[in-house]
Amino acid sequence: MRATAFCLLENNGRLLLQEFWHEHDHYHFFRPPGGGIEQGELALDAIRREMREELDVEIQEPELLTVLENIFEYGGETKHEIVFLFRATLNDERITGVPEVRILDNTIAFRAVWQPLEVIMQEGLLLYPVELRNRLGDFFPEFKLFDSMEVSR
């Protein structure tokens, strides 16, 4: 079991989502930026560290939205994550002023893209953790687009 901290970074109705390639099953999926919580580290400290390491930004007041369990198959093994999901607004033009961002995770570079919330919901991007899509309307009630959409729970 692995504890993780992810952050929904929102700017003008868009979320920054990190893009991954599932190397075993060969498909693209998206996930909020973040990563593992280190031994002895609080989730709040982990999300701040991850944003510094991956995006070179400081987030001042991340809001803990929920804790989710994510159980999934990867490489023929069952994986289990406890996900601390935070929300923060990002006002750094280096990140918000471009359509995509390069995220550095250790020595590996990943692509992160700004996706409008309506595109995430309407086009059905493959989003992990799986429960996240069902909860986006709860996390962003200020965006009325969710009122008219049916999201399976």
N, C-alpha and C. Protein backbone atom coordinates (compact mmCIF):
# COMPACT_ATOMS: atom_id res chain seq x y z
N MET A 1 0.85 -1.17 0.00
CA MET A 1 0.00 0.00 0.00
C MET A 1 0.90 1.24 0.00
N ARG A 2 0.48 2.24 -0.73
CA ARG A 2 1.26 3.45 -0.90
C ARG A 2 0.39 4.67 -0.60
N ALA A 3 0.91 5.59 0.21
CA ALA A 3 0.21 6.85 0.47
C ALA A 3 0.70 7.90 -0.52
N THR A 4 -0.24 8.62 -1.14
CA THR A 4 0.10 9.65 -2.12
C THR A 4 -0.64 10.94 -1.82
N ALA A 5 -0.14 12.02 -2.38
CA ALA A 5 -0.79 13.33 -2.29
C ALA A 5 -0.83 13.92 -3.70
N PHE A 6 -2.05 14.22 -4.17
CA PHE A 6 -2.24 14.84 -5.48
C PHE A 6 -2.93 16.17 -5.29
N CYS A 7 -2.73 17.09 -6.24
CA CYS A 7 -3.31 18.41 -6.11
C CYS A 7 -4.06 18.80 -7.38
N LEU A 8 -5.33 19.17 -7.21
CA LEU A 8 -6.11 19.74 -8.30
C LEU A 8 -5.74 21.21 -8.39
N LEU A 9 -4.95 21.54 -9.40
CA LEU A 9 -4.54 22.92 -9.64
C LEU A 9 -5.49 23.50 -10.67
N GLU A 10 -6.26 24.49 -10.25
CA GLU A 10 -7.29 25.07 -11.10
C GLU A 10 -6.92 26.49 -11.48
N ASN A 11 -7.19 26.83 -12.73
CA ASN A 11 -7.00 28.19 -13.22
C ASN A 11 -8.03 28.45 -14.31
N ASN A 12 -8.94 29.39 -14.07
CA ASN A 12 -9.96 29.78 -15.06
C ASN A 12 -10.74 28.59 -15.62
N GLY A 13 -11.17 27.70 -14.73
CA GLY A 13 -11.99 26.58 -15.17
C GLY A 13 -11.23 25.45 -15.82
N ARG A 14 -9.91 25.45 -15.66
CA ARG A 14 -9.08 24.39 -16.22
C ARG A 14 -8.30 23.71 -15.10
N LEU A 15 -8.05 22.42 -15.28
CA LEU A 15 -7.21 21.68 -14.34
C LEU A 15 -5.91 21.27 -15.03
N LEU A 16 -4.82 21.34 -14.28
CA LEU A 16 -3.55 20.86 -14.79
C LEU A 16 -3.47 19.37 -14.51
N LEU A 17 -3.38 18.56 -15.57
CA LEU A 17 -3.34 17.11 -15.43
C LEU A 17 -2.08 16.56 -16.08
N GLN A 18 -1.44 15.70 -15.36
CA GLN A 18 -0.22 15.05 -15.84
C GLN A 18 -0.62 13.87 -16.73
N GLU A 19 0.05 13.75 -17.87
CA GLU A 19 -0.26 12.69 -18.82
C GLU A 19 0.73 11.55 -18.65
N PHE A 20 0.20 10.33 -18.64
CA PHE A 20 1.03 9.14 -18.51
C PHE A 20 0.72 8.15 -19.62
N TRP A 21 1.65 7.28 -19.89
CA TRP A 21 1.47 6.18 -20.83
C TRP A 21 1.52 4.90 -20.02
N HIS A 22 0.44 4.10 -20.09
CA HIS A 22 0.40 2.81 -19.40
C HIS A 22 1.23 1.84 -20.22
N GLU A 23 2.43 1.56 -19.76
CA GLU A 23 3.38 0.78 -20.57
C GLU A 23 3.00 -0.69 -20.72
N HIS A 24 2.16 -1.21 -19.84
CA HIS A 24 1.76 -2.61 -19.95
C HIS A 24 0.54 -2.80 -20.84
N ASP A 25 -0.44 -1.88 -20.73
CA ASP A 25 -1.67 -2.01 -21.50
C ASP A 25 -1.78 -1.03 -22.65
N HIS A 26 -0.79 -0.15 -22.79
CA HIS A 26 -0.65 0.73 -23.95
C HIS A 26 -1.82 1.70 -24.16
N TYR A 27 -2.01 2.60 -23.21
CA TYR A 27 -2.99 3.66 -23.37
C TYR A 27 -2.55 4.86 -22.54
N HIS A 28 -3.07 6.04 -22.91
CA HIS A 28 -2.78 7.27 -22.18
C HIS A 28 -3.81 7.45 -21.07
N PHE A 29 -3.37 8.00 -19.95
CA PHE A 29 -4.27 8.38 -18.88
C PHE A 29 -3.75 9.65 -18.23
N PHE A 30 -4.61 10.29 -17.44
CA PHE A 30 -4.27 11.55 -16.80
C PHE A 30 -4.46 11.45 -15.29
N ARG A 31 -3.67 12.24 -14.58
CA ARG A 31 -3.72 12.26 -13.13
C ARG A 31 -3.29 13.64 -12.66
N PRO A 32 -3.85 14.13 -11.56
CA PRO A 32 -3.36 15.41 -11.03
C PRO A 32 -1.88 15.30 -10.63
N PRO A 33 -1.16 16.39 -10.65
CA PRO A 33 0.25 16.34 -10.21
C PRO A 33 0.34 15.99 -8.73
N GLY A 34 1.43 15.39 -8.38
CA GLY A 34 1.69 14.99 -7.00
C GLY A 34 2.51 13.73 -6.98
N GLY A 35 2.51 13.05 -5.86
CA GLY A 35 3.30 11.83 -5.76
C GLY A 35 3.26 11.25 -4.37
N GLY A 36 4.25 10.41 -4.10
CA GLY A 36 4.29 9.65 -2.86
C GLY A 36 4.58 10.50 -1.64
N ILE A 37 4.00 10.08 -0.53
CA ILE A 37 4.27 10.69 0.76
C ILE A 37 5.42 9.91 1.39
N GLU A 38 6.44 10.62 1.80
CA GLU A 38 7.62 9.96 2.38
C GLU A 38 7.36 9.58 3.83
N GLN A 39 8.10 8.59 4.29
CA GLN A 39 7.99 8.14 5.68
C GLN A 39 8.19 9.32 6.63
N GLY A 40 7.26 9.50 7.57
CA GLY A 40 7.37 10.57 8.55
C GLY A 40 6.92 11.93 8.05
N GLU A 41 6.38 12.00 6.84
CA GLU A 41 5.96 13.27 6.24
C GLU A 41 4.43 13.37 6.29
N LEU A 42 3.92 14.52 6.64
CA LEU A 42 2.48 14.76 6.59
C LEU A 42 2.06 14.96 5.13
N ALA A 43 0.81 14.61 4.82
CA ALA A 43 0.30 14.77 3.45
C ALA A 43 0.39 16.22 3.00
N LEU A 44 0.08 17.17 3.88
CA LEU A 44 0.15 18.59 3.54
C LEU A 44 1.57 19.00 3.17
N ASP A 45 2.54 18.52 3.91
CA ASP A 45 3.94 18.82 3.58
C ASP A 45 4.36 18.14 2.28
N ALA A 46 3.84 16.94 2.06
CA ALA A 46 4.17 16.19 0.84
C ALA A 46 3.67 16.92 -0.40
N ILE A 47 2.44 17.47 -0.36
CA ILE A 47 1.92 18.13 -1.55
C ILE A 47 2.68 19.41 -1.83
N ARG A 48 3.07 20.11 -0.80
CA ARG A 48 3.90 21.31 -1.01
C ARG A 48 5.25 20.93 -1.61
N ARG A 49 5.87 19.88 -1.08
CA ARG A 49 7.16 19.42 -1.60
C ARG A 49 7.03 18.98 -3.05
N GLU A 50 5.99 18.20 -3.34
CA GLU A 50 5.80 17.70 -4.71
C GLU A 50 5.62 18.85 -5.70
N MET A 51 4.87 19.88 -5.33
CA MET A 51 4.67 21.03 -6.23
C MET A 51 5.98 21.79 -6.43
N ARG A 52 6.79 21.89 -5.38
CA ARG A 52 8.11 22.53 -5.52
C ARG A 52 9.01 21.70 -6.44
N GLU A 53 9.07 20.40 -6.20
CA GLU A 53 9.95 19.52 -6.98
C GLU A 53 9.51 19.41 -8.43
N GLU A 54 8.22 19.22 -8.66
CA GLU A 54 7.74 18.93 -10.01
C GLU A 54 7.48 20.18 -10.84
N LEU A 55 6.99 21.25 -10.21
CA LEU A 55 6.59 22.44 -10.96
C LEU A 55 7.37 23.69 -10.61
N ASP A 56 8.20 23.61 -9.59
CA ASP A 56 8.96 24.77 -9.11
C ASP A 56 8.04 25.91 -8.70
N VAL A 57 6.94 25.55 -8.00
CA VAL A 57 6.00 26.54 -7.49
C VAL A 57 5.74 26.29 -6.01
N GLU A 58 5.38 27.37 -5.34
CA GLU A 58 4.96 27.28 -3.94
C GLU A 58 3.45 27.43 -3.90
N ILE A 59 2.78 26.50 -3.24
CA ILE A 59 1.35 26.65 -3.02
C ILE A 59 1.17 26.96 -1.54
N GLN A 60 0.48 28.05 -1.27
CA GLN A 60 0.40 28.57 0.09
C GLN A 60 -0.64 27.87 0.96
N GLU A 61 -1.83 27.72 0.47
CA GLU A 61 -2.92 27.19 1.30
C GLU A 61 -3.67 26.07 0.59
N PRO A 62 -3.01 24.93 0.38
CA PRO A 62 -3.74 23.82 -0.24
C PRO A 62 -4.87 23.35 0.68
N GLU A 63 -6.01 23.09 0.07
CA GLU A 63 -7.19 22.65 0.81
C GLU A 63 -7.35 21.13 0.63
N LEU A 64 -7.39 20.40 1.74
CA LEU A 64 -7.63 18.96 1.65
C LEU A 64 -9.10 18.75 1.30
N LEU A 65 -9.34 18.10 0.15
CA LEU A 65 -10.71 17.87 -0.31
C LEU A 65 -11.28 16.56 0.21
N THR A 66 -10.45 15.52 0.13
CA THR A 66 -10.92 14.19 0.50
C THR A 66 -9.74 13.24 0.54
N VAL A 67 -10.01 12.05 1.00
CA VAL A 67 -9.04 10.95 0.93
C VAL A 67 -9.75 9.84 0.16
N LEU A 68 -9.09 9.35 -0.88
CA LEU A 68 -9.66 8.30 -1.72
C LEU A 68 -8.79 7.06 -1.67
N GLU A 69 -9.41 5.92 -1.87
CA GLU A 69 -8.63 4.70 -2.08
C GLU A 69 -8.64 4.41 -3.57
N ASN A 70 -7.51 4.02 -4.07
CA ASN A 70 -7.37 3.71 -5.49
C ASN A 70 -6.75 2.32 -5.59
N ILE A 71 -7.54 1.36 -6.03
CA ILE A 71 -7.05 -0.01 -6.22
C ILE A 71 -7.08 -0.27 -7.71
N PHE A 72 -5.95 -0.71 -8.26
CA PHE A 72 -5.85 -0.89 -9.70
C PHE A 72 -4.83 -1.96 -10.04
N GLU A 73 -4.91 -2.44 -11.28
CA GLU A 73 -3.96 -3.44 -11.78
C GLU A 73 -2.89 -2.73 -12.60
N TYR A 74 -1.66 -3.09 -12.37
CA TYR A 74 -0.57 -2.52 -13.17
C TYR A 74 0.54 -3.56 -13.26
N GLY A 75 0.89 -3.91 -14.48
CA GLY A 75 1.95 -4.88 -14.70
C GLY A 75 1.65 -6.24 -14.10
N GLY A 76 0.35 -6.62 -14.11
CA GLY A 76 -0.03 -7.91 -13.59
C GLY A 76 -0.14 -7.97 -12.07
N GLU A 77 0.01 -6.83 -11.40
CA GLU A 77 -0.08 -6.79 -9.95
C GLU A 77 -1.21 -5.86 -9.52
N THR A 78 -1.82 -6.18 -8.39
CA THR A 78 -2.81 -5.30 -7.81
C THR A 78 -2.09 -4.27 -6.95
N LYS A 79 -2.36 -3.00 -7.22
CA LYS A 79 -1.76 -1.89 -6.47
C LYS A 79 -2.85 -1.24 -5.64
N HIS A 80 -2.46 -0.64 -4.52
CA HIS A 80 -3.42 -0.01 -3.61
C HIS A 80 -2.80 1.30 -3.13
N GLU A 81 -3.47 2.43 -3.43
CA GLU A 81 -3.02 3.74 -2.99
C GLU A 81 -4.06 4.36 -2.07
N ILE A 82 -3.58 5.07 -1.08
CA ILE A 82 -4.41 5.96 -0.28
C ILE A 82 -4.05 7.35 -0.78
N VAL A 83 -5.02 8.04 -1.37
CA VAL A 83 -4.78 9.32 -2.05
C VAL A 83 -5.34 10.47 -1.22
N PHE A 84 -4.46 11.35 -0.77
CA PHE A 84 -4.86 12.60 -0.14
C PHE A 84 -5.00 13.61 -1.28
N LEU A 85 -6.22 14.07 -1.53
CA LEU A 85 -6.48 14.94 -2.67
C LEU A 85 -6.68 16.38 -2.18
N PHE A 86 -5.84 17.26 -2.68
CA PHE A 86 -5.86 18.67 -2.33
C PHE A 86 -6.33 19.50 -3.51
N ARG A 87 -6.72 20.74 -3.22
CA ARG A 87 -7.06 21.72 -4.25
C ARG A 87 -6.29 23.00 -3.95
N ALA A 88 -5.76 23.61 -5.00
CA ALA A 88 -5.05 24.89 -4.86
C ALA A 88 -5.24 25.68 -6.14
N THR A 89 -5.26 27.00 -6.00
CA THR A 89 -5.30 27.89 -7.15
C THR A 89 -3.87 28.30 -7.44
N LEU A 90 -3.54 28.31 -8.70
CA LEU A 90 -2.19 28.63 -9.12
C LEU A 90 -2.22 29.92 -9.93
N ASN A 91 -1.42 30.90 -9.52
CA ASN A 91 -1.39 32.19 -10.20
C ASN A 91 -0.03 32.49 -10.81
N ASP A 92 0.76 31.47 -11.05
CA ASP A 92 2.10 31.63 -11.60
C ASP A 92 2.02 31.57 -13.13
N GLU A 93 2.27 32.70 -13.79
CA GLU A 93 2.15 32.79 -15.26
C GLU A 93 3.07 31.81 -16.00
N ARG A 94 4.16 31.41 -15.37
CA ARG A 94 5.04 30.42 -16.02
C ARG A 94 4.31 29.10 -16.22
N ILE A 95 3.32 28.85 -15.37
CA ILE A 95 2.56 27.61 -15.44
C ILE A 95 1.18 27.84 -16.08
N THR A 96 0.48 28.89 -15.64
CA THR A 96 -0.89 29.13 -16.12
C THR A 96 -0.94 29.75 -17.50
N GLY A 97 0.13 30.39 -17.93
CA GLY A 97 0.12 31.11 -19.21
C GLY A 97 0.50 30.26 -20.41
N VAL A 98 0.68 28.97 -20.23
CA VAL A 98 1.06 28.09 -21.33
C VAL A 98 0.10 26.90 -21.38
N PRO A 99 -0.10 26.31 -22.58
CA PRO A 99 -1.06 25.21 -22.68
C PRO A 99 -0.58 23.91 -22.05
N GLU A 100 0.73 23.75 -21.96
CA GLU A 100 1.26 22.54 -21.33
C GLU A 100 2.55 22.86 -20.58
N VAL A 101 2.86 22.00 -19.63
CA VAL A 101 3.98 22.21 -18.73
C VAL A 101 4.78 20.92 -18.66
N ARG A 102 6.07 21.06 -18.51
CA ARG A 102 6.92 19.90 -18.30
C ARG A 102 7.09 19.68 -16.80
N ILE A 103 6.76 18.48 -16.35
CA ILE A 103 6.90 18.13 -14.94
C ILE A 103 8.10 17.21 -14.81
N LEU A 104 8.98 17.55 -13.89
CA LEU A 104 10.14 16.71 -13.64
C LEU A 104 9.89 15.87 -12.40
N ASP A 105 9.96 14.57 -12.56
CA ASP A 105 9.80 13.65 -11.44
C ASP A 105 11.09 12.84 -11.36
N ASN A 106 11.93 13.21 -10.40
CA ASN A 106 13.30 12.71 -10.34
C ASN A 106 14.01 13.12 -11.62
N THR A 107 14.39 12.19 -12.46
CA THR A 107 15.08 12.54 -13.70
C THR A 107 14.18 12.35 -14.92
N ILE A 108 12.92 11.98 -14.71
CA ILE A 108 12.00 11.72 -15.82
C ILE A 108 11.09 12.92 -16.03
N ALA A 109 10.96 13.34 -17.28
CA ALA A 109 10.09 14.47 -17.63
C ALA A 109 8.75 13.94 -18.11
N PHE A 110 7.67 14.54 -17.60
CA PHE A 110 6.32 14.21 -18.02
C PHE A 110 5.66 15.46 -18.55
N ARG A 111 4.66 15.27 -19.37
CA ARG A 111 3.87 16.37 -19.92
C ARG A 111 2.64 16.55 -19.05
N ALA A 112 2.31 17.80 -18.73
CA ALA A 112 1.06 18.13 -18.05
C ALA A 112 0.35 19.16 -18.91
N VAL A 113 -0.96 19.00 -19.05
CA VAL A 113 -1.75 19.88 -19.90
C VAL A 113 -2.89 20.49 -19.11
N TRP A 114 -3.26 21.71 -19.49
CA TRP A 114 -4.42 22.36 -18.90
C TRP A 114 -5.65 21.85 -19.64
N GLN A 115 -6.54 21.21 -18.93
CA GLN A 115 -7.76 20.67 -19.53
C GLN A 115 -8.97 21.40 -18.94
N PRO A 116 -9.83 21.98 -19.79
CA PRO A 116 -11.07 22.59 -19.28
C PRO A 116 -11.92 21.53 -18.58
N LEU A 117 -12.53 21.91 -17.48
CA LEU A 117 -13.38 20.97 -16.73
C LEU A 117 -14.45 20.36 -17.62
N GLU A 118 -15.03 21.15 -18.52
CA GLU A 118 -16.09 20.60 -19.38
C GLU A 118 -15.54 19.54 -20.33
N VAL A 119 -14.31 19.68 -20.78
CA VAL A 119 -13.69 18.67 -21.65
C VAL A 119 -13.43 17.39 -20.85
N ILE A 120 -12.97 17.56 -19.62
CA ILE A 120 -12.72 16.38 -18.78
C ILE A 120 -14.01 15.59 -18.62
N MET A 121 -15.11 16.28 -18.38
CA MET A 121 -16.38 15.60 -18.15
C MET A 121 -17.01 15.09 -19.45
N GLN A 122 -17.04 15.92 -20.50
CA GLN A 122 -17.76 15.56 -21.72
C GLN A 122 -16.99 14.57 -22.58
N GLU A 123 -15.70 14.71 -22.66
CA GLU A 123 -14.94 13.85 -23.56
C GLU A 123 -14.44 12.59 -22.89
N GLY A 124 -14.65 12.48 -21.60
CA GLY A 124 -14.31 11.24 -20.92
C GLY A 124 -12.84 10.89 -20.92
N LEU A 125 -11.97 11.87 -20.69
CA LEU A 125 -10.56 11.56 -20.56
C LEU A 125 -10.38 10.51 -19.48
N LEU A 126 -9.49 9.58 -19.68
CA LEU A 126 -9.23 8.56 -18.69
C LEU A 126 -8.48 9.21 -17.53
N LEU A 127 -9.14 9.31 -16.40
CA LEU A 127 -8.65 10.07 -15.27
C LEU A 127 -8.50 9.15 -14.06
N TYR A 128 -7.35 9.23 -13.42
CA TYR A 128 -7.10 8.46 -12.20
C TYR A 128 -6.81 9.40 -11.05
N PRO A 129 -7.12 9.06 -9.82
CA PRO A 129 -7.87 7.87 -9.42
C PRO A 129 -9.28 7.87 -10.01
N VAL A 130 -9.82 6.69 -10.24
CA VAL A 130 -11.09 6.52 -10.94
C VAL A 130 -12.21 7.34 -10.31
N GLU A 131 -12.31 7.36 -9.00
CA GLU A 131 -13.38 8.06 -8.29
C GLU A 131 -13.33 9.57 -8.50
N LEU A 132 -12.20 10.09 -8.93
CA LEU A 132 -12.03 11.54 -9.08
C LEU A 132 -13.05 12.14 -10.03
N ARG A 133 -13.29 11.52 -11.17
CA ARG A 133 -14.25 12.07 -12.15
C ARG A 133 -15.63 12.25 -11.51
N ASN A 134 -16.06 11.27 -10.72
CA ASN A 134 -17.37 11.35 -10.09
C ASN A 134 -17.47 12.45 -9.05
N ARG A 135 -16.35 12.90 -8.56
CA ARG A 135 -16.36 13.89 -7.48
C ARG A 135 -16.03 15.31 -7.94
N LEU A 136 -15.66 15.50 -9.20
CA LEU A 136 -15.26 16.84 -9.67
C LEU A 136 -16.35 17.88 -9.45
N GLY A 137 -17.61 17.52 -9.68
CA GLY A 137 -18.70 18.46 -9.47
C GLY A 137 -18.81 18.90 -8.02
N ASP A 138 -18.49 18.01 -7.09
CA ASP A 138 -18.48 18.35 -5.67
C ASP A 138 -17.34 19.31 -5.35
N PHE A 139 -16.20 19.11 -5.98
CA PHE A 139 -15.01 19.90 -5.68
C PHE A 139 -15.04 21.27 -6.35
N PHE A 140 -15.80 21.40 -7.45
CA PHE A 140 -15.87 22.66 -8.19
C PHE A 140 -17.32 23.06 -8.43
N PRO A 141 -18.08 23.30 -7.36
CA PRO A 141 -19.51 23.63 -7.52
C PRO A 141 -19.72 24.98 -8.20
N GLU A 142 -18.70 25.83 -8.22
CA GLU A 142 -18.86 27.15 -8.83
C GLU A 142 -18.99 27.07 -10.35
N PHE A 143 -18.66 25.93 -10.94
CA PHE A 143 -18.79 25.76 -12.38
C PHE A 143 -20.11 25.07 -12.68
N LYS A 144 -21.06 25.83 -13.19
CA LYS A 144 -22.43 25.36 -13.39
C LYS A 144 -22.53 24.25 -14.43
N LEU A 145 -21.48 24.02 -15.20
CA LEU A 145 -21.54 23.01 -16.26
C LEU A 145 -21.88 21.65 -15.70
N PHE A 146 -21.60 21.40 -14.43
CA PHE A 146 -21.88 20.10 -13.87
C PHE A 146 -23.36 19.90 -13.58
N ASP A 147 -24.12 20.99 -13.43
CA ASP A 147 -25.54 20.87 -13.13
C ASP A 147 -26.31 20.17 -14.25
N SER A 148 -25.88 20.38 -15.47
CA SER A 148 -26.64 19.84 -16.60
C SER A 148 -26.09 18.51 -17.10
N MET A 149 -25.01 18.04 -16.51
CA MET A 149 -24.42 16.78 -16.97
C MET A 149 -24.76 15.64 -16.05
N GLU A 150 -24.92 14.49 -16.64
CA GLU A 150 -25.12 13.28 -15.85
C GLU A 150 -23.75 12.65 -15.67
N VAL A 151 -23.36 12.51 -14.44
CA VAL A 151 -22.10 11.85 -14.12
C VAL A 151 -22.45 10.61 -13.33
N SER A 152 -22.01 9.46 -13.81
CA SER A 152 -22.35 8.23 -13.10
C SER A 152 -21.63 8.18 -11.76
N ARG A 153 -22.32 7.75 -10.77
CA ARG A 153 -21.73 7.61 -9.42
C ARG A 153 -21.62 6.15 -9.08
